[in-house]
Amino acid sequence: MLNNELFPHNEFTLAPERQAEIQHSIQSLCEDAPDRLVQGKALYYRYLDSPVGPMIAMASEKGVILLEFLDTFSTIDKEITDLRTRYGFHLSGQDHSHLTAVQAQMDDYFAGRRQQFDLPLDAPGTAFDETVWAHLQRIPYGRTCSYGDLARDIGNGAHARIVGSANHRNRISIVIPCHRVIGADGSLTGYGGGLPRKRWLLEFESLHA
């Protein structure tokens, strides 16, 4: 495990009452689905513990569709709403084998035993978003690249700003490693989970690479 300087527990800890409040809100999203969506594609979910705070994982029958830090509830709310209204999913309180696989592989990742994930993913987005997310998964563990580097790798007129926007729309944290993208000057920028968490993940991977 990381030392206390690198592993600021308090930075990522949710108060029990706040965690319960967020979980209740997510349950309400499940129960308040419009009738027209209840017959849609099921979206299963599970809560995970991690060194960088509690997380929520969601999966469709096809694969993992969301993995977010629980303290970013406003982002989670928007992503769930988008998945429901745009893609016809409805939330189910049931568990799923894809989520069991997420739990096992995340445990291995945080124990320093896993550098690549082998999970079925279901990450709907625009064609450009999906291209960026595919390229993110090619950034090696323990390495970083800039938004400009990623844009040049993608080609076809891509530039750093729109790559950054697609990076921000990534719903599957860590597995699709948007934390490995940094500013051209080496600065840590633009991470939905917060810069302290991004720093922790990069230093953790650097230690175990």
N, C-alpha and C. Protein backbone atom coordinates (compact mmCIF):
# COMPACT_ATOMS: atom_id res chain seq x y z
N MET A 1 0.84 -1.19 0.00
CA MET A 1 0.00 0.00 0.00
C MET A 1 0.88 1.26 0.00
N LEU A 2 0.28 2.37 -0.39
CA LEU A 2 1.02 3.61 -0.46
C LEU A 2 1.21 4.21 0.93
N ASN A 3 2.26 5.01 1.07
CA ASN A 3 2.47 5.66 2.35
C ASN A 3 1.44 6.78 2.56
N ASN A 4 1.43 7.33 3.77
CA ASN A 4 0.38 8.29 4.11
C ASN A 4 0.46 9.57 3.27
N GLU A 5 1.66 9.94 2.85
CA GLU A 5 1.78 11.15 2.04
C GLU A 5 1.11 10.97 0.69
N LEU A 6 1.25 9.77 0.13
CA LEU A 6 0.69 9.50 -1.19
C LEU A 6 -0.76 9.04 -1.08
N PHE A 7 -1.18 8.61 0.07
CA PHE A 7 -2.49 8.00 0.25
C PHE A 7 -3.28 8.83 1.27
N PRO A 8 -3.73 10.03 0.88
CA PRO A 8 -4.44 10.89 1.81
C PRO A 8 -5.87 10.41 2.05
N HIS A 9 -6.04 9.47 2.95
CA HIS A 9 -7.33 8.82 3.16
C HIS A 9 -8.48 9.83 3.30
N ASN A 10 -8.29 10.85 4.12
CA ASN A 10 -9.37 11.79 4.39
C ASN A 10 -9.85 12.51 3.15
N GLU A 11 -8.97 12.66 2.18
CA GLU A 11 -9.32 13.38 0.95
C GLU A 11 -10.42 12.66 0.18
N PHE A 12 -10.48 11.35 0.31
CA PHE A 12 -11.39 10.56 -0.51
C PHE A 12 -12.48 9.87 0.31
N THR A 13 -12.57 10.19 1.58
CA THR A 13 -13.53 9.53 2.45
C THR A 13 -14.85 10.30 2.46
N LEU A 14 -15.94 9.59 2.29
CA LEU A 14 -17.26 10.19 2.40
C LEU A 14 -17.81 9.94 3.79
N ALA A 15 -18.40 10.96 4.39
CA ALA A 15 -19.07 10.76 5.66
C ALA A 15 -20.20 9.75 5.47
N PRO A 16 -20.42 8.85 6.44
CA PRO A 16 -21.45 7.81 6.28
C PRO A 16 -22.81 8.38 5.91
N GLU A 17 -23.18 9.51 6.51
CA GLU A 17 -24.50 10.07 6.21
C GLU A 17 -24.57 10.59 4.78
N ARG A 18 -23.45 11.14 4.27
CA ARG A 18 -23.42 11.62 2.88
C ARG A 18 -23.47 10.44 1.91
N GLN A 19 -22.74 9.37 2.23
CA GLN A 19 -22.77 8.20 1.37
C GLN A 19 -24.18 7.60 1.33
N ALA A 20 -24.84 7.53 2.48
CA ALA A 20 -26.21 7.00 2.53
C ALA A 20 -27.16 7.90 1.73
N GLU A 21 -26.95 9.21 1.80
CA GLU A 21 -27.79 10.15 1.06
C GLU A 21 -27.65 9.94 -0.45
N ILE A 22 -26.40 9.77 -0.91
CA ILE A 22 -26.17 9.56 -2.34
C ILE A 22 -26.78 8.24 -2.78
N GLN A 23 -26.59 7.19 -2.00
CA GLN A 23 -27.15 5.89 -2.35
C GLN A 23 -28.68 5.96 -2.40
N HIS A 24 -29.28 6.71 -1.48
CA HIS A 24 -30.73 6.88 -1.50
C HIS A 24 -31.17 7.60 -2.78
N SER A 25 -30.40 8.60 -3.18
CA SER A 25 -30.73 9.34 -4.40
C SER A 25 -30.66 8.44 -5.62
N ILE A 26 -29.65 7.57 -5.65
CA ILE A 26 -29.54 6.64 -6.78
C ILE A 26 -30.70 5.65 -6.77
N GLN A 27 -31.08 5.18 -5.58
CA GLN A 27 -32.24 4.30 -5.47
C GLN A 27 -33.50 4.99 -5.96
N SER A 28 -33.62 6.27 -5.67
CA SER A 28 -34.79 7.03 -6.13
C SER A 28 -34.81 7.11 -7.66
N LEU A 29 -33.63 7.26 -8.27
CA LEU A 29 -33.57 7.26 -9.73
C LEU A 29 -34.08 5.93 -10.28
N CYS A 30 -33.79 4.86 -9.57
CA CYS A 30 -34.25 3.53 -9.97
C CYS A 30 -35.77 3.44 -9.87
N GLU A 31 -36.32 3.95 -8.78
CA GLU A 31 -37.76 3.80 -8.52
C GLU A 31 -38.60 4.78 -9.32
N ASP A 32 -38.01 5.93 -9.70
CA ASP A 32 -38.79 6.98 -10.34
C ASP A 32 -38.71 6.94 -11.86
N ALA A 33 -38.26 5.82 -12.42
CA ALA A 33 -38.16 5.73 -13.88
C ALA A 33 -39.54 5.89 -14.52
N PRO A 34 -39.66 6.69 -15.57
CA PRO A 34 -40.93 6.81 -16.28
C PRO A 34 -41.39 5.44 -16.80
N ASP A 35 -42.69 5.26 -16.85
CA ASP A 35 -43.23 3.97 -17.29
C ASP A 35 -42.71 3.56 -18.65
N ARG A 36 -42.48 4.54 -19.53
CA ARG A 36 -42.04 4.21 -20.88
C ARG A 36 -40.63 3.62 -20.89
N LEU A 37 -39.87 3.83 -19.78
CA LEU A 37 -38.50 3.32 -19.74
C LEU A 37 -38.40 2.00 -18.99
N VAL A 38 -39.39 1.67 -18.19
CA VAL A 38 -39.30 0.47 -17.36
C VAL A 38 -39.17 -0.79 -18.21
N GLN A 39 -39.69 -0.74 -19.42
CA GLN A 39 -39.59 -1.90 -20.31
C GLN A 39 -38.32 -1.87 -21.15
N GLY A 40 -37.46 -0.88 -20.92
CA GLY A 40 -36.24 -0.76 -21.70
C GLY A 40 -35.16 -1.72 -21.22
N LYS A 41 -33.94 -1.45 -21.65
CA LYS A 41 -32.81 -2.31 -21.31
C LYS A 41 -32.41 -2.09 -19.85
N ALA A 42 -32.20 -3.18 -19.13
CA ALA A 42 -31.88 -3.07 -17.70
C ALA A 42 -30.45 -2.60 -17.50
N LEU A 43 -30.27 -1.80 -16.47
CA LEU A 43 -28.96 -1.29 -16.09
C LEU A 43 -28.75 -1.65 -14.62
N TYR A 44 -27.83 -2.58 -14.37
CA TYR A 44 -27.60 -3.10 -13.03
C TYR A 44 -26.50 -2.29 -12.34
N TYR A 45 -26.51 -2.27 -11.01
CA TYR A 45 -25.47 -1.49 -10.34
C TYR A 45 -25.04 -2.13 -9.03
N ARG A 46 -23.82 -1.73 -8.61
CA ARG A 46 -23.21 -2.22 -7.38
C ARG A 46 -22.29 -1.14 -6.85
N TYR A 47 -22.19 -1.04 -5.54
CA TYR A 47 -21.26 -0.11 -4.90
C TYR A 47 -19.95 -0.83 -4.59
N LEU A 48 -18.83 -0.13 -4.81
CA LEU A 48 -17.50 -0.68 -4.58
C LEU A 48 -16.74 0.21 -3.60
N ASP A 49 -15.91 -0.40 -2.77
CA ASP A 49 -14.97 0.36 -1.95
C ASP A 49 -13.62 0.40 -2.66
N SER A 50 -12.89 1.50 -2.48
CA SER A 50 -11.57 1.60 -3.09
C SER A 50 -10.71 2.54 -2.25
N PRO A 51 -9.39 2.50 -2.42
CA PRO A 51 -8.50 3.42 -1.70
C PRO A 51 -8.75 4.89 -2.04
N VAL A 52 -9.38 5.15 -3.18
CA VAL A 52 -9.66 6.53 -3.57
C VAL A 52 -11.14 6.87 -3.41
N GLY A 53 -11.80 6.17 -2.49
CA GLY A 53 -13.17 6.48 -2.16
C GLY A 53 -14.17 5.50 -2.74
N PRO A 54 -15.39 5.50 -2.20
CA PRO A 54 -16.42 4.60 -2.69
C PRO A 54 -16.80 4.92 -4.13
N MET A 55 -17.16 3.88 -4.87
CA MET A 55 -17.50 4.02 -6.28
C MET A 55 -18.82 3.32 -6.56
N ILE A 56 -19.39 3.63 -7.71
CA ILE A 56 -20.55 2.89 -8.20
C ILE A 56 -20.20 2.34 -9.58
N ALA A 57 -20.52 1.07 -9.79
CA ALA A 57 -20.34 0.43 -11.09
C ALA A 57 -21.71 0.08 -11.63
N MET A 58 -21.90 0.27 -12.92
CA MET A 58 -23.14 -0.11 -13.58
C MET A 58 -22.82 -0.92 -14.82
N ALA A 59 -23.72 -1.83 -15.14
CA ALA A 59 -23.52 -2.67 -16.31
C ALA A 59 -24.85 -2.96 -16.98
N SER A 60 -24.80 -3.09 -18.29
CA SER A 60 -25.93 -3.60 -19.07
C SER A 60 -25.67 -5.08 -19.31
N GLU A 61 -26.55 -5.70 -20.04
CA GLU A 61 -26.31 -7.10 -20.40
C GLU A 61 -25.07 -7.23 -21.27
N LYS A 62 -24.73 -6.16 -22.00
CA LYS A 62 -23.60 -6.18 -22.92
C LYS A 62 -22.26 -6.01 -22.21
N GLY A 63 -22.22 -5.17 -21.16
CA GLY A 63 -20.94 -4.94 -20.48
C GLY A 63 -21.01 -3.77 -19.52
N VAL A 64 -19.87 -3.41 -18.98
CA VAL A 64 -19.76 -2.31 -18.02
C VAL A 64 -20.06 -1.00 -18.75
N ILE A 65 -20.94 -0.20 -18.15
CA ILE A 65 -21.37 1.02 -18.82
C ILE A 65 -21.01 2.28 -18.03
N LEU A 66 -20.72 2.10 -16.74
CA LEU A 66 -20.39 3.26 -15.90
C LEU A 66 -19.57 2.80 -14.70
N LEU A 67 -18.55 3.59 -14.37
CA LEU A 67 -17.76 3.39 -13.16
C LEU A 67 -17.31 4.77 -12.70
N GLU A 68 -17.92 5.23 -11.60
CA GLU A 68 -17.67 6.60 -11.15
C GLU A 68 -17.44 6.64 -9.65
N PHE A 69 -16.80 7.71 -9.21
CA PHE A 69 -16.59 7.95 -7.78
C PHE A 69 -17.87 8.51 -7.19
N LEU A 70 -18.29 7.94 -6.07
CA LEU A 70 -19.60 8.24 -5.53
C LEU A 70 -19.74 9.70 -5.13
N ASP A 71 -18.63 10.37 -4.78
CA ASP A 71 -18.74 11.76 -4.36
C ASP A 71 -18.95 12.71 -5.53
N THR A 72 -18.96 12.19 -6.76
CA THR A 72 -19.25 13.02 -7.94
C THR A 72 -20.70 12.79 -8.36
N PHE A 73 -21.62 12.88 -7.39
CA PHE A 73 -23.01 12.49 -7.67
C PHE A 73 -23.65 13.32 -8.75
N SER A 74 -23.33 14.62 -8.83
CA SER A 74 -23.95 15.43 -9.89
C SER A 74 -23.60 14.88 -11.27
N THR A 75 -22.36 14.41 -11.42
CA THR A 75 -21.96 13.78 -12.68
C THR A 75 -22.70 12.47 -12.89
N ILE A 76 -22.79 11.65 -11.86
CA ILE A 76 -23.49 10.37 -11.95
C ILE A 76 -24.94 10.58 -12.35
N ASP A 77 -25.59 11.57 -11.72
CA ASP A 77 -26.99 11.87 -12.01
C ASP A 77 -27.17 12.21 -13.49
N LYS A 78 -26.29 13.07 -14.02
CA LYS A 78 -26.37 13.46 -15.43
C LYS A 78 -26.13 12.26 -16.34
N GLU A 79 -25.16 11.42 -15.98
CA GLU A 79 -24.84 10.27 -16.83
C GLU A 79 -25.98 9.25 -16.83
N ILE A 80 -26.57 9.00 -15.68
CA ILE A 80 -27.70 8.07 -15.62
C ILE A 80 -28.88 8.62 -16.42
N THR A 81 -29.14 9.91 -16.25
CA THR A 81 -30.25 10.53 -17.00
C THR A 81 -30.02 10.41 -18.50
N ASP A 82 -28.78 10.64 -18.93
CA ASP A 82 -28.45 10.53 -20.35
C ASP A 82 -28.62 9.10 -20.84
N LEU A 83 -28.16 8.14 -20.06
CA LEU A 83 -28.29 6.74 -20.46
C LEU A 83 -29.77 6.35 -20.55
N ARG A 84 -30.58 6.87 -19.65
CA ARG A 84 -32.00 6.53 -19.66
C ARG A 84 -32.72 7.18 -20.83
N THR A 85 -32.52 8.47 -21.02
CA THR A 85 -33.31 9.18 -22.02
C THR A 85 -32.80 8.97 -23.45
N ARG A 86 -31.47 8.89 -23.59
CA ARG A 86 -30.92 8.77 -24.94
C ARG A 86 -30.84 7.33 -25.42
N TYR A 87 -30.54 6.41 -24.48
CA TYR A 87 -30.28 5.04 -24.90
C TYR A 87 -31.31 4.04 -24.39
N GLY A 88 -32.31 4.51 -23.63
CA GLY A 88 -33.43 3.65 -23.26
C GLY A 88 -33.16 2.67 -22.14
N PHE A 89 -32.19 2.95 -21.27
CA PHE A 89 -31.94 2.07 -20.13
C PHE A 89 -32.85 2.43 -18.96
N HIS A 90 -33.11 1.45 -18.11
CA HIS A 90 -33.73 1.75 -16.83
C HIS A 90 -32.91 1.06 -15.74
N LEU A 91 -32.89 1.66 -14.56
CA LEU A 91 -32.08 1.13 -13.47
C LEU A 91 -32.76 -0.07 -12.82
N SER A 92 -31.95 -1.06 -12.50
CA SER A 92 -32.42 -2.23 -11.76
C SER A 92 -31.55 -2.40 -10.53
N GLY A 93 -32.17 -2.69 -9.40
CA GLY A 93 -31.40 -2.91 -8.18
C GLY A 93 -30.67 -4.24 -8.15
N GLN A 94 -30.90 -5.08 -9.15
CA GLN A 94 -30.26 -6.38 -9.17
C GLN A 94 -28.77 -6.27 -9.48
N ASP A 95 -28.04 -7.31 -9.11
CA ASP A 95 -26.62 -7.40 -9.41
C ASP A 95 -26.44 -8.14 -10.73
N HIS A 96 -25.20 -8.24 -11.20
CA HIS A 96 -24.93 -8.90 -12.48
C HIS A 96 -23.51 -9.45 -12.48
N SER A 97 -23.28 -10.47 -13.27
CA SER A 97 -21.94 -11.09 -13.33
C SER A 97 -20.88 -10.10 -13.83
N HIS A 98 -21.26 -9.16 -14.70
CA HIS A 98 -20.28 -8.15 -15.15
C HIS A 98 -19.77 -7.33 -13.96
N LEU A 99 -20.65 -7.08 -13.00
CA LEU A 99 -20.26 -6.28 -11.84
C LEU A 99 -19.37 -7.08 -10.89
N THR A 100 -19.60 -8.37 -10.84
CA THR A 100 -18.70 -9.23 -10.06
C THR A 100 -17.29 -9.19 -10.65
N ALA A 101 -17.22 -9.19 -11.98
CA ALA A 101 -15.92 -9.11 -12.66
C ALA A 101 -15.26 -7.76 -12.40
N VAL A 102 -16.05 -6.67 -12.42
CA VAL A 102 -15.50 -5.35 -12.12
C VAL A 102 -14.90 -5.34 -10.71
N GLN A 103 -15.65 -5.87 -9.75
CA GLN A 103 -15.18 -5.89 -8.37
C GLN A 103 -13.85 -6.63 -8.26
N ALA A 104 -13.76 -7.81 -8.87
CA ALA A 104 -12.54 -8.61 -8.77
C ALA A 104 -11.35 -7.91 -9.42
N GLN A 105 -11.58 -7.34 -10.60
CA GLN A 105 -10.46 -6.71 -11.31
C GLN A 105 -10.05 -5.38 -10.68
N MET A 106 -10.99 -4.65 -10.12
CA MET A 106 -10.63 -3.42 -9.41
C MET A 106 -9.84 -3.76 -8.14
N ASP A 107 -10.24 -4.81 -7.43
CA ASP A 107 -9.48 -5.24 -6.26
C ASP A 107 -8.04 -5.58 -6.64
N ASP A 108 -7.88 -6.29 -7.76
CA ASP A 108 -6.54 -6.63 -8.23
C ASP A 108 -5.75 -5.39 -8.62
N TYR A 109 -6.42 -4.44 -9.27
CA TYR A 109 -5.76 -3.21 -9.68
C TYR A 109 -5.22 -2.47 -8.47
N PHE A 110 -6.04 -2.30 -7.45
CA PHE A 110 -5.61 -1.53 -6.29
C PHE A 110 -4.64 -2.30 -5.40
N ALA A 111 -4.55 -3.60 -5.60
CA ALA A 111 -3.53 -4.38 -4.90
C ALA A 111 -2.21 -4.39 -5.66
N GLY A 112 -2.17 -3.74 -6.83
CA GLY A 112 -0.95 -3.71 -7.63
C GLY A 112 -0.71 -4.97 -8.44
N ARG A 113 -1.75 -5.81 -8.56
CA ARG A 113 -1.59 -7.07 -9.29
C ARG A 113 -2.10 -7.01 -10.73
N ARG A 114 -2.78 -5.95 -11.10
CA ARG A 114 -3.36 -5.87 -12.44
C ARG A 114 -3.01 -4.53 -13.09
N GLN A 115 -2.50 -4.62 -14.33
CA GLN A 115 -2.17 -3.41 -15.08
C GLN A 115 -3.08 -3.21 -16.28
N GLN A 116 -3.78 -4.24 -16.70
CA GLN A 116 -4.73 -4.13 -17.80
C GLN A 116 -6.05 -4.77 -17.38
N PHE A 117 -7.14 -4.17 -17.82
CA PHE A 117 -8.45 -4.71 -17.51
C PHE A 117 -8.94 -5.57 -18.67
N ASP A 118 -9.67 -6.60 -18.32
CA ASP A 118 -10.24 -7.50 -19.31
C ASP A 118 -11.74 -7.62 -19.01
N LEU A 119 -12.46 -6.57 -19.36
CA LEU A 119 -13.88 -6.48 -19.05
C LEU A 119 -14.66 -6.17 -20.33
N PRO A 120 -15.84 -6.76 -20.50
CA PRO A 120 -16.70 -6.31 -21.59
C PRO A 120 -17.23 -4.92 -21.28
N LEU A 121 -17.12 -4.01 -22.24
CA LEU A 121 -17.56 -2.64 -22.03
C LEU A 121 -18.74 -2.31 -22.94
N ASP A 122 -19.62 -1.49 -22.42
CA ASP A 122 -20.74 -0.96 -23.20
C ASP A 122 -20.69 0.55 -23.00
N ALA A 123 -20.02 1.24 -23.92
CA ALA A 123 -19.77 2.68 -23.75
C ALA A 123 -20.33 3.44 -24.94
N PRO A 124 -21.65 3.64 -24.98
CA PRO A 124 -22.23 4.35 -26.12
C PRO A 124 -21.87 5.83 -26.09
N GLY A 125 -21.62 6.37 -27.27
CA GLY A 125 -21.30 7.79 -27.40
C GLY A 125 -21.27 8.14 -28.87
N THR A 126 -20.84 9.34 -29.19
CA THR A 126 -20.66 9.69 -30.59
C THR A 126 -19.51 8.87 -31.16
N ALA A 127 -19.42 8.85 -32.48
CA ALA A 127 -18.33 8.11 -33.11
C ALA A 127 -16.98 8.66 -32.66
N PHE A 128 -16.89 9.99 -32.53
CA PHE A 128 -15.61 10.57 -32.09
C PHE A 128 -15.32 10.22 -30.64
N ASP A 129 -16.34 10.30 -29.77
CA ASP A 129 -16.14 9.91 -28.38
C ASP A 129 -15.58 8.51 -28.29
N GLU A 130 -16.19 7.60 -29.00
CA GLU A 130 -15.79 6.20 -28.92
C GLU A 130 -14.38 6.00 -29.45
N THR A 131 -13.98 6.81 -30.45
CA THR A 131 -12.61 6.75 -30.96
C THR A 131 -11.63 7.20 -29.88
N VAL A 132 -11.95 8.31 -29.21
CA VAL A 132 -11.08 8.82 -28.14
C VAL A 132 -10.98 7.79 -27.02
N TRP A 133 -12.11 7.21 -26.61
CA TRP A 133 -12.09 6.24 -25.52
C TRP A 133 -11.27 5.01 -25.88
N ALA A 134 -11.33 4.60 -27.14
CA ALA A 134 -10.52 3.46 -27.58
C ALA A 134 -9.04 3.80 -27.49
N HIS A 135 -8.66 5.02 -27.87
CA HIS A 135 -7.26 5.43 -27.81
C HIS A 135 -6.79 5.58 -26.36
N LEU A 136 -7.68 6.02 -25.48
CA LEU A 136 -7.31 6.10 -24.07
C LEU A 136 -6.86 4.76 -23.53
N GLN A 137 -7.52 3.70 -23.97
CA GLN A 137 -7.21 2.37 -23.47
C GLN A 137 -5.87 1.86 -23.97
N ARG A 138 -5.26 2.56 -24.93
CA ARG A 138 -3.95 2.16 -25.44
C ARG A 138 -2.80 2.86 -24.70
N ILE A 139 -3.12 3.81 -23.82
CA ILE A 139 -2.06 4.47 -23.05
C ILE A 139 -1.55 3.47 -22.02
N PRO A 140 -0.28 3.12 -22.04
CA PRO A 140 0.22 2.08 -21.13
C PRO A 140 0.10 2.46 -19.66
N TYR A 141 -0.09 1.46 -18.85
CA TYR A 141 -0.10 1.61 -17.39
C TYR A 141 1.21 2.26 -16.95
N GLY A 142 1.11 3.23 -16.07
CA GLY A 142 2.31 3.91 -15.58
C GLY A 142 2.84 4.99 -16.49
N ARG A 143 2.15 5.25 -17.61
CA ARG A 143 2.58 6.28 -18.56
C ARG A 143 1.51 7.35 -18.68
N THR A 144 1.87 8.49 -19.23
CA THR A 144 0.92 9.56 -19.49
C THR A 144 1.13 10.07 -20.91
N CYS A 145 0.13 10.80 -21.39
CA CYS A 145 0.29 11.53 -22.65
C CYS A 145 -0.51 12.82 -22.54
N SER A 146 -0.23 13.76 -23.40
CA SER A 146 -0.96 15.03 -23.38
C SER A 146 -2.18 14.94 -24.28
N TYR A 147 -3.08 15.92 -24.12
CA TYR A 147 -4.25 15.98 -25.00
C TYR A 147 -3.81 16.16 -26.45
N GLY A 148 -2.75 16.95 -26.64
CA GLY A 148 -2.23 17.15 -28.00
C GLY A 148 -1.67 15.87 -28.58
N ASP A 149 -0.94 15.10 -27.76
CA ASP A 149 -0.41 13.82 -28.22
C ASP A 149 -1.55 12.90 -28.64
N LEU A 150 -2.60 12.87 -27.85
CA LEU A 150 -3.73 12.01 -28.14
C LEU A 150 -4.41 12.45 -29.44
N ALA A 151 -4.55 13.76 -29.62
CA ALA A 151 -5.16 14.27 -30.85
C ALA A 151 -4.33 13.89 -32.07
N ARG A 152 -2.99 14.02 -31.97
CA ARG A 152 -2.13 13.65 -33.10
C ARG A 152 -2.22 12.16 -33.39
N ASP A 153 -2.35 11.35 -32.35
CA ASP A 153 -2.47 9.91 -32.52
C ASP A 153 -3.77 9.56 -33.24
N ILE A 154 -4.84 10.28 -32.91
CA ILE A 154 -6.14 10.04 -33.54
C ILE A 154 -6.15 10.53 -34.98
N GLY A 155 -5.57 11.72 -35.21
CA GLY A 155 -5.51 12.28 -36.57
C GLY A 155 -6.87 12.75 -37.04
N ASN A 156 -7.05 12.83 -38.35
CA ASN A 156 -8.32 13.23 -38.97
C ASN A 156 -8.82 14.58 -38.46
N GLY A 157 -7.90 15.49 -38.23
CA GLY A 157 -8.29 16.84 -37.83
C GLY A 157 -8.62 17.01 -36.36
N ALA A 158 -8.43 15.98 -35.56
CA ALA A 158 -8.69 16.09 -34.12
C ALA A 158 -7.74 17.10 -33.50
N HIS A 159 -8.22 17.83 -32.51
CA HIS A 159 -7.33 18.74 -31.79
C HIS A 159 -7.56 18.60 -30.29
N ALA A 160 -6.64 19.16 -29.54
CA ALA A 160 -6.60 18.89 -28.10
C ALA A 160 -7.89 19.25 -27.39
N ARG A 161 -8.53 20.34 -27.78
CA ARG A 161 -9.73 20.78 -27.06
C ARG A 161 -10.88 19.79 -27.19
N ILE A 162 -11.14 19.31 -28.41
CA ILE A 162 -12.26 18.39 -28.57
C ILE A 162 -11.91 17.01 -28.00
N VAL A 163 -10.63 16.66 -28.01
CA VAL A 163 -10.21 15.43 -27.34
C VAL A 163 -10.47 15.54 -25.85
N GLY A 164 -10.17 16.73 -25.28
CA GLY A 164 -10.43 16.95 -23.87
C GLY A 164 -11.90 16.84 -23.54
N SER A 165 -12.76 17.33 -24.42
CA SER A 165 -14.21 17.24 -24.18
C SER A 165 -14.68 15.79 -24.21
N ALA A 166 -14.17 15.00 -25.15
CA ALA A 166 -14.54 13.58 -25.21
C ALA A 166 -14.00 12.85 -23.99
N ASN A 167 -12.81 13.23 -23.56
CA ASN A 167 -12.21 12.66 -22.36
C ASN A 167 -13.12 12.89 -21.15
N HIS A 168 -13.67 14.09 -21.07
CA HIS A 168 -14.55 14.46 -19.96
C HIS A 168 -15.85 13.66 -19.98
N ARG A 169 -16.27 13.21 -21.14
CA ARG A 169 -17.53 12.45 -21.26
C ARG A 169 -17.34 10.96 -20.99
N ASN A 170 -16.15 10.53 -20.71
CA ASN A 170 -15.90 9.13 -20.38
C ASN A 170 -16.64 8.76 -19.09
N ARG A 171 -17.45 7.72 -19.15
CA ARG A 171 -18.24 7.29 -17.98
C ARG A 171 -17.57 6.18 -17.18
N ILE A 172 -16.48 5.63 -17.71
CA ILE A 172 -15.90 4.42 -17.09
C ILE A 172 -14.50 4.77 -16.58
N SER A 173 -14.46 5.36 -15.39
CA SER A 173 -13.19 5.81 -14.82
C SER A 173 -12.25 4.63 -14.59
N ILE A 174 -10.96 4.91 -14.64
CA ILE A 174 -9.85 3.98 -14.37
C ILE A 174 -9.75 2.92 -15.46
N VAL A 175 -10.84 2.19 -15.74
CA VAL A 175 -10.80 1.15 -16.77
C VAL A 175 -10.52 1.79 -18.13
N ILE A 176 -11.22 2.86 -18.46
CA ILE A 176 -10.86 3.71 -19.60
C ILE A 176 -10.07 4.87 -18.98
N PRO A 177 -8.74 4.81 -19.05
CA PRO A 177 -7.89 5.61 -18.14
C PRO A 177 -7.70 7.07 -18.55
N CYS A 178 -8.77 7.85 -18.44
CA CYS A 178 -8.64 9.27 -18.76
C CYS A 178 -7.73 10.00 -17.77
N HIS A 179 -7.44 9.37 -16.63
CA HIS A 179 -6.52 10.00 -15.67
C HIS A 179 -5.09 10.06 -16.19
N ARG A 180 -4.78 9.30 -17.24
CA ARG A 180 -3.42 9.28 -17.78
C ARG A 180 -3.17 10.41 -18.79
N VAL A 181 -4.16 11.25 -19.05
CA VAL A 181 -3.99 12.36 -19.98
C VAL A 181 -3.72 13.63 -19.17
N ILE A 182 -2.65 14.32 -19.51
CA ILE A 182 -2.21 15.50 -18.76
C ILE A 182 -2.02 16.68 -19.71
N GLY A 183 -1.74 17.85 -19.15
CA GLY A 183 -1.49 19.03 -19.96
C GLY A 183 -0.18 18.93 -20.71
N ALA A 184 -0.04 19.74 -21.75
CA ALA A 184 1.18 19.72 -22.57
C ALA A 184 2.42 20.07 -21.76
N ASP A 185 2.22 20.85 -20.69
CA ASP A 185 3.35 21.24 -19.84
C ASP A 185 3.57 20.27 -18.68
N GLY A 186 2.87 19.15 -18.70
CA GLY A 186 3.01 18.16 -17.64
C GLY A 186 2.10 18.37 -16.45
N SER A 187 1.28 19.41 -16.49
CA SER A 187 0.39 19.70 -15.36
C SER A 187 -0.79 18.72 -15.35
N LEU A 188 -1.34 18.51 -14.16
CA LEU A 188 -2.52 17.67 -14.01
C LEU A 188 -3.75 18.54 -14.20
N THR A 189 -4.50 18.28 -15.25
CA THR A 189 -5.66 19.11 -15.56
C THR A 189 -6.86 18.24 -15.88
N GLY A 190 -8.03 18.80 -15.69
CA GLY A 190 -9.26 18.26 -16.25
C GLY A 190 -9.63 16.85 -15.87
N TYR A 191 -9.76 16.57 -14.57
CA TYR A 191 -10.19 15.23 -14.17
C TYR A 191 -11.46 15.33 -13.34
N GLY A 192 -12.53 14.64 -13.78
CA GLY A 192 -13.81 14.74 -13.11
C GLY A 192 -13.78 14.25 -11.68
N GLY A 193 -12.87 13.34 -11.37
CA GLY A 193 -12.76 12.82 -10.01
C GLY A 193 -11.94 13.71 -9.09
N GLY A 194 -11.41 14.81 -9.63
CA GLY A 194 -10.61 15.73 -8.82
C GLY A 194 -9.12 15.48 -9.00
N LEU A 195 -8.35 16.55 -8.97
CA LEU A 195 -6.91 16.44 -9.21
C LEU A 195 -6.16 15.66 -8.13
N PRO A 196 -6.52 15.74 -6.84
CA PRO A 196 -5.83 14.89 -5.86
C PRO A 196 -5.98 13.41 -6.18
N ARG A 197 -7.16 13.03 -6.62
CA ARG A 197 -7.39 11.62 -6.98
C ARG A 197 -6.60 11.24 -8.23
N LYS A 198 -6.54 12.14 -9.19
CA LYS A 198 -5.75 11.88 -10.40
C LYS A 198 -4.28 11.70 -10.04
N ARG A 199 -3.76 12.58 -9.19
CA ARG A 199 -2.37 12.48 -8.76
C ARG A 199 -2.13 11.13 -8.08
N TRP A 200 -3.05 10.74 -7.20
CA TRP A 200 -2.90 9.47 -6.48
C TRP A 200 -2.82 8.32 -7.47
N LEU A 201 -3.74 8.28 -8.45
CA LEU A 201 -3.76 7.18 -9.41
C LEU A 201 -2.47 7.13 -10.23
N LEU A 202 -1.99 8.28 -10.68
CA LEU A 202 -0.76 8.30 -11.48
C LEU A 202 0.45 7.87 -10.67
N GLU A 203 0.53 8.32 -9.43
CA GLU A 203 1.68 7.93 -8.60
C GLU A 203 1.59 6.46 -8.21
N PHE A 204 0.38 5.98 -7.97
CA PHE A 204 0.19 4.57 -7.67
C PHE A 204 0.66 3.71 -8.85
N GLU A 205 0.24 4.08 -10.06
CA GLU A 205 0.64 3.30 -11.23
C GLU A 205 2.14 3.40 -11.48
N SER A 206 2.71 4.56 -11.24
CA SER A 206 4.15 4.73 -11.42
C SER A 206 4.93 3.80 -10.50
N LEU A 207 4.45 3.65 -9.27
CA LEU A 207 5.10 2.77 -8.30
C LEU A 207 5.03 1.30 -8.70
N HIS A 208 3.95 0.92 -9.35
CA HIS A 208 3.72 -0.49 -9.67
C HIS A 208 4.02 -0.87 -11.11
N ALA A 209 4.39 0.11 -11.92
CA ALA A 209 4.63 -0.18 -13.34
C ALA A 209 5.82 -1.12 -13.49
